[in-house]
C-alpha atoms as a PDB file:
ATOM      1  CA  UNK A   1      83.077   7.300 123.575  1.00  0.00           C
ATOM      2  CA  UNK A   2      82.436   8.289 119.991  1.00  0.00           C
ATOM      3  CA  UNK A   3      79.400  10.210 118.918  1.00  0.00           C
ATOM      4  CA  UNK A   4      78.002  10.305 115.378  1.00  0.00           C
ATOM      5  CA  UNK A   5      76.324  13.517 114.465  1.00  0.00           C
ATOM      6  CA  UNK A   6      74.046  14.055 111.615  1.00  0.00           C
ATOM      7  CA  UNK A   7      71.941  16.849 110.184  1.00  0.00           C
ATOM      8  CA  UNK A   8      68.324  16.464 109.108  1.00  0.00           C
ATOM      9  CA  UNK A   9      66.062  18.551 107.010  1.00  0.00           C
ATOM     10  CA  UNK A  10      62.315  17.946 107.330  1.00  0.00           C
ATOM     11  CA  UNK A  11      59.599  18.667 104.841  1.00  0.00           C
ATOM     12  CA  UNK A  12      56.023  19.214 105.909  1.00  0.00           C
ATOM     13  CA  UNK A  13      53.204  19.243 103.479  1.00  0.00           C
ATOM     14  CA  UNK A  14      50.812  21.952 104.196  1.00  0.00           C
ATOM     15  CA  UNK A  15      48.873  21.422 100.901  1.00  0.00           C
ATOM     16  CA  UNK A  16      49.701  19.698  97.692  1.00  0.00           C
ATOM     17  CA  UNK A  17      49.524  21.488  94.285  1.00  0.00           C
ATOM     18  CA  UNK A  18      45.943  20.983  93.206  1.00  0.00           C
ATOM     19  CA  UNK A  19      44.336  21.703  89.840  1.00  0.00           C
ATOM     20  CA  UNK A  20      40.755  22.656  88.961  1.00  0.00           C
ATOM     21  CA  UNK A  21      38.582  20.318  87.068  1.00  0.00           C
ATOM     22  CA  UNK A  22      38.648  21.369  83.285  1.00  0.00           C
ATOM     23  CA  UNK A  23      36.972  20.513  80.052  1.00  0.00           C
ATOM     24  CA  UNK A  24      39.499  18.790  77.589  1.00  0.00           C
ATOM     25  CA  UNK A  25      40.020  20.605  74.303  1.00  0.00           C
ATOM     26  CA  UNK A  26      39.229  18.343  71.393  1.00  0.00           C
ATOM     27  CA  UNK A  27      41.485  19.993  68.840  1.00  0.00           C
ATOM     28  CA  UNK A  28      44.639  21.051  70.770  1.00  0.00           C
ATOM     29  CA  UNK A  29      46.474  20.573  74.010  1.00  0.00           C
ATOM     30  CA  UNK A  30      44.564  21.513  77.045  1.00  0.00           C
ATOM     31  CA  UNK A  31      46.504  23.872  79.458  1.00  0.00           C
ATOM     32  CA  UNK A  32      45.987  24.845  83.111  1.00  0.00           C
ATOM     33  CA  UNK A  33      48.287  26.809  84.914  1.00  0.00           C
ATOM     34  CA  UNK A  34      48.321  27.152  88.807  1.00  0.00           C
ATOM     35  CA  UNK A  35      51.241  29.361  89.723  1.00  0.00           C
ATOM     36  CA  UNK A  36      53.123  29.477  93.144  1.00  0.00           C
ATOM     37  CA  UNK A  37      50.747  32.308  94.318  1.00  0.00           C
ATOM     38  CA  UNK A  38      47.880  30.005  93.844  1.00  0.00           C
ATOM     39  CA  UNK A  39      46.362  31.902  90.866  1.00  0.00           C
ATOM     40  CA  UNK A  40      45.534  30.776  87.539  1.00  0.00           C
ATOM     41  CA  UNK A  41      48.084  31.678  84.963  1.00  0.00           C
ATOM     42  CA  UNK A  42      47.510  33.337  81.503  1.00  0.00           C
ATOM     43  CA  UNK A  43      48.243  30.273  79.548  1.00  0.00           C
ATOM     44  CA  UNK A  44      45.139  28.546  80.814  1.00  0.00           C
ATOM     45  CA  UNK A  45      43.138  27.879  77.651  1.00  0.00           C
ATOM     46  CA  UNK A  46      40.093  25.934  78.729  1.00  0.00           C
ATOM     47  CA  UNK A  47      36.889  26.011  80.508  1.00  0.00           C
ATOM     48  CA  UNK A  48      37.156  25.351  84.107  1.00  0.00           C
ATOM     49  CA  UNK A  49      34.369  23.193  85.943  1.00  0.00           C
ATOM     50  CA  UNK A  50      35.261  24.419  89.412  1.00  0.00           C
ATOM     51  CA  UNK A  51      37.381  26.867  91.465  1.00  0.00           C
ATOM     52  CA  UNK A  52      39.064  23.979  93.541  1.00  0.00           C
ATOM     53  CA  UNK A  53      42.795  24.765  92.985  1.00  0.00           C
ATOM     54  CA  UNK A  54      45.769  26.044  94.871  1.00  0.00           C
ATOM     55  CA  UNK A  55      49.551  26.072  94.996  1.00  0.00           C
ATOM     56  CA  UNK A  56      51.413  23.472  96.797  1.00  0.00           C
ATOM     57  CA  UNK A  57      52.749  24.685 100.193  1.00  0.00           C
ATOM     58  CA  UNK A  58      55.436  23.026 102.363  1.00  0.00           C
ATOM     59  CA  UNK A  59      57.358  24.027 105.575  1.00  0.00           C
ATOM     60  CA  UNK A  60      60.954  23.032 105.518  1.00  0.00           C
ATOM     61  CA  UNK A  61      63.213  23.041 108.637  1.00  0.00           C
ATOM     62  CA  UNK A  62      66.871  22.239 109.278  1.00  0.00           C
ATOM     63  CA  UNK A  63      69.013  21.562 112.361  1.00  0.00           C
ATOM     64  CA  UNK A  64      72.126  22.793 110.638  1.00  0.00           C
ATOM     65  CA  UNK A  65      73.333  25.942 108.873  1.00  0.00           C
ATOM     66  CA  UNK A  66      74.492  24.031 105.600  1.00  0.00           C
ATOM     67  CA  UNK A  67      73.339  25.398 102.242  1.00  0.00           C
ATOM     68  CA  UNK A  68      70.557  23.419 100.707  1.00  0.00           C
ATOM     69  CA  UNK A  69      69.348  22.359  97.130  1.00  0.00           C
ATOM     70  CA  UNK A  70      65.805  22.136  95.935  1.00  0.00           C
ATOM     71  CA  UNK A  71      64.943  19.819  93.285  1.00  0.00           C
ATOM     72  CA  UNK A  72      61.305  19.551  91.679  1.00  0.00           C
ATOM     73  CA  UNK A  73      60.244  17.488  88.882  1.00  0.00           C
ATOM     74  CA  UNK A  74      57.211  15.602  87.415  1.00  0.00           C
ATOM     75  CA  UNK A  75      56.952  11.790  87.639  1.00  0.00           C
ATOM     76  CA  UNK A  76      55.298  11.334  84.303  1.00  0.00           C
ATOM     77  CA  UNK A  77      52.760   9.013  85.861  1.00  0.00           C
ATOM     78  CA  UNK A  78      49.874  10.032  83.509  1.00  0.00           C
ATOM     79  CA  UNK A  79      49.806   9.322  79.823  1.00  0.00           C
ATOM     80  CA  UNK A  80      50.082  12.466  77.551  1.00  0.00           C
ATOM     81  CA  UNK A  81      49.849  14.681  80.823  1.00  0.00           C
ATOM     82  CA  UNK A  82      52.862  16.627  81.567  1.00  0.00           C
ATOM     83  CA  UNK A  83      53.939  19.148  84.264  1.00  0.00           C
ATOM     84  CA  UNK A  84      55.769  22.113  82.671  1.00  0.00           C
ATOM     85  CA  UNK A  85      57.238  25.617  83.837  1.00  0.00           C
ATOM     86  CA  UNK A  86      57.687  24.125  87.433  1.00  0.00           C
ATOM     87  CA  UNK A  87      58.316  27.029  89.905  1.00  0.00           C
ATOM     88  CA  UNK A  88      59.396  27.103  93.537  1.00  0.00           C
ATOM     89  CA  UNK A  89      59.102  30.160  95.706  1.00  0.00           C
ATOM     90  CA  UNK A  90      61.814  30.235  98.415  1.00  0.00           C
ATOM     91  CA  UNK A  91      62.903  33.123 100.631  1.00  0.00           C
ATOM     92  CA  UNK A  92      61.438  35.799  98.186  1.00  0.00           C
ATOM     93  CA  UNK A  93      63.089  34.093  95.107  1.00  0.00           C
ATOM     94  CA  UNK A  94      61.287  32.233  92.351  1.00  0.00           C
ATOM     95  CA  UNK A  95      63.428  29.144  91.240  1.00  0.00           C
ATOM     96  CA  UNK A  96      62.851  28.041  87.679  1.00  0.00           C
ATOM     97  CA  UNK A  97      65.510  25.484  86.954  1.00  0.00           C
ATOM     98  CA  UNK A  98      66.310  22.452  89.096  1.00  0.00           C
ATOM     99  CA  UNK A  99      68.184  21.309  90.967  1.00  0.00           C
ATOM    100  CA  UNK A 100      68.774  24.672  92.513  1.00  0.00           C
ATOM    101  CA  UNK A 101      71.734  24.622  94.815  1.00  0.00           C
ATOM    102  CA  UNK A 102      73.696  26.857  97.203  1.00  0.00           C
ATOM    103  CA  UNK A 103      70.446  28.292  98.879  1.00  0.00           C
ATOM    104  CA  UNK A 104      70.270  29.595 102.364  1.00  0.00           C
ATOM    105  CA  UNK A 105      69.462  27.062 105.049  1.00  0.00           C
ATOM    106  CA  UNK A 106      65.828  27.457 106.379  1.00  0.00           C
ATOM    107  CA  UNK A 107      66.995  26.932 109.939  1.00  0.00           C
ATOM    108  CA  UNK A 108      65.094  25.281 112.891  1.00  0.00           C
ATOM    109  CA  UNK A 109      62.195  27.959 112.661  1.00  0.00           C
ATOM    110  CA  UNK A 110      61.828  26.879 109.056  1.00  0.00           C
ATOM    111  CA  UNK A 111      60.688  28.592 105.863  1.00  0.00           C
ATOM    112  CA  UNK A 112      57.547  28.016 103.737  1.00  0.00           C
ATOM    113  CA  UNK A 113      57.900  27.314  99.944  1.00  0.00           C
ATOM    114  CA  UNK A 114      55.151  27.477  97.406  1.00  0.00           C
ATOM    115  CA  UNK A 115      55.263  25.492  94.141  1.00  0.00           C
ATOM    116  CA  UNK A 116      53.067  25.948  91.042  1.00  0.00           C
ATOM    117  CA  UNK A 117      53.264  24.583  87.481  1.00  0.00           C
ATOM    118  CA  UNK A 118      51.559  24.276  84.141  1.00  0.00           C
ATOM    119  CA  UNK A 119      49.761  20.985  83.378  1.00  0.00           C
ATOM    120  CA  UNK A 120      49.490  20.223  79.704  1.00  0.00           C
ATOM    121  CA  UNK A 121      47.113  17.529  78.525  1.00  0.00           C
ATOM    122  CA  UNK A 122      48.063  16.460  74.963  1.00  0.00           C
ATOM    123  CA  UNK A 123      45.117  16.265  72.481  1.00  0.00           C
ATOM    124  CA  UNK A 124      45.316  12.621  72.631  1.00  0.00           C
ATOM    125  CA  UNK A 125      44.909  12.326  76.435  1.00  0.00           C
ATOM    126  CA  UNK A 126      42.028  10.462  77.507  1.00  0.00           C
ATOM    127  CA  UNK A 127      39.350  12.241  79.596  1.00  0.00           C
ATOM    128  CA  UNK A 128      38.766  11.513  83.212  1.00  0.00           C
ATOM    129  CA  UNK A 129      40.375  12.167  86.570  1.00  0.00           C
ATOM    130  CA  UNK A 130      44.037  12.686  86.335  1.00  0.00           C
ATOM    131  CA  UNK A 131      46.565  13.070  89.176  1.00  0.00           C
ATOM    132  CA  UNK A 132      49.910  14.204  87.697  1.00  0.00           C
ATOM    133  CA  UNK A 133      52.555  13.409  90.378  1.00  0.00           C
ATOM    134  CA  UNK A 134      55.695  15.281  91.164  1.00  0.00           C
ATOM    135  CA  UNK A 135      58.743  14.970  93.556  1.00  0.00           C
ATOM    136  CA  UNK A 136      60.008  17.710  95.697  1.00  0.00           C
ATOM    137  CA  UNK A 137      63.561  16.800  96.977  1.00  0.00           C
ATOM    138  CA  UNK A 138      65.277  19.177  99.415  1.00  0.00           C
ATOM    139  CA  UNK A 139      68.852  18.191 100.676  1.00  0.00           C
ATOM    140  CA  UNK A 140      71.734  19.734 102.556  1.00  0.00           C
ATOM    141  CA  UNK A 141      74.901  20.117 100.553  1.00  0.00           C
END
């Protein structure tokens, strides 16, 4: 009898990255930064209409001990709206370039990861509700 074994990583979304409502600058790009700690970053250059924002938080687990890679990138789904300065906090390390590989496995008990990013609305972006989307990919190597 032959058995096929496979390892699996699971990602559980605790909360997605969320930005506050903001007033669009008319003469320059509008920037709002929500860092991996869930705080506003210094580059934020506009008036906020609410305090409803937080970092993204995910629980990752694995049933193996293989090293992992983390990839985090924007989907570019909103015209003239871009996510920049993407950051992932994993095991007391802040990752700034992706994909990041050779990372310690989170194990069965799992590890939380936090994400943050700068959202930049170009001066020609249209006002209104925007939902810039991203992909968070975690794989065993």
